[in-house]
Amino acid sequence: MINLIENLLPLVNKLEIMFVKVTH
């Protein structure tokens, strides 16, 4: 379970950065 979260964190981070770049 922790491994899954660790794998998802970088992906979410990238999506968040892209979202911020698009909205701003």
Protein backbone atom coordinates (compact mmCIF):
# COMPACT_ATOMS: atom_id res chain seq x y z
CA MET A 1 0.00 0.00 0.00
CA ILE A 2 2.79 2.41 0.92
CA ASN A 3 4.61 1.44 -2.27
CA LEU A 4 1.55 2.37 -4.33
CA ILE A 5 1.33 5.76 -2.64
CA GLU A 6 5.04 6.39 -3.25
CA ASN A 7 4.52 5.61 -6.94
CA LEU A 8 1.50 7.90 -7.19
CA LEU A 9 3.07 10.90 -5.45
CA PRO A 10 5.42 11.92 -8.30
CA LEU A 11 2.60 11.49 -10.82
CA VAL A 12 0.25 13.69 -8.80
CA ASN A 13 3.06 16.20 -8.38
CA LYS A 14 3.57 16.42 -12.15
CA LEU A 15 -0.16 16.80 -12.76
CA GLU A 16 -0.39 19.53 -10.15
CA ILE A 17 2.49 21.45 -11.74
CA MET A 18 0.94 21.14 -15.20
CA PHE A 19 -2.44 22.22 -13.86
CA VAL A 20 -0.90 25.31 -12.23
CA LYS A 21 0.94 26.19 -15.46
CA VAL A 22 -2.27 25.89 -17.49
CA THR A 23 -4.48 27.84 -15.09
CA HIS A 24 -1.92 30.58 -14.55
